[in-house]
Amino acid sequence: MSSDHDHDNELDPMAARVRALETILTQKGLIDPAAIDVIVDTYETKVGPRNGAKVVAKAWSDPSFADWLRRDATAAIASLGFTGRQGEHMRAVFNTPDTHNLVVCTLCSCYPWSVLGLPPVWYKAPPYRSRAVIDPRGVLEEFGLTLPAETKIRVWDSTAELRYLVVPMRPLGSEGLSEEALADLVTRDSMIGTGLAREPA
């Protein structure tokens, strides 16, 4: 049966399968939809990339915190209340004009959920996991990020024991902004290394 014909269903095939599975498990009394909604909301809105953005914004605006983050990212991040699932052991790597950092997990998909929220689908995909190491510059270009030829790209391989947070360079024109406004400039992709922080409006 062809999968390229139109459906009345507004969901893509994967979302439709998830919906069907959730319906069956709910009907059997095995899951509570409200509990699932709370979990999803927690990772999308409370534990999402906003946590990491707050860490980066504090590092941009507080040199002593940035120094602490360099020395002991786990403790510095925990001081802001962001600990837990897959974020217990962290290292912060700082982008500079000379070096751009990129994070990958070549073995599986280790990812700091408590700091960056749910991992993007592409982060777990074999093409990203293999090519980020072999051809990081080409991978970044596919994300729309073309770096100067003289910029060194350093690839960090996350493991079950250690996960990474990229601290992107603070964008020009962001001087004088509050930490909250700075956090709005930080994207999930910039904290993985596949993007840069947004320029202020």
Foldseek 3Di string as FASTA:
>chain_A
DDPPDDDPDPDRPVVVVVVVVVVVCVVVVNDDVVVVVVVLCCLPPVQAQLLQLLLLLCVVVPVVLVVVLQVAVQVSSVVVVQDDDLANAEHEDEDDLQEFEAEAALPAQRDRSNNHGDDDPVRGDNVCSPCCVVPVQVLLVVLVDHHPPRRHYHYDHDDSRYDYWYNADQAPPCPPPDSVLSSVQDDSCVRRRSDHGHHDD
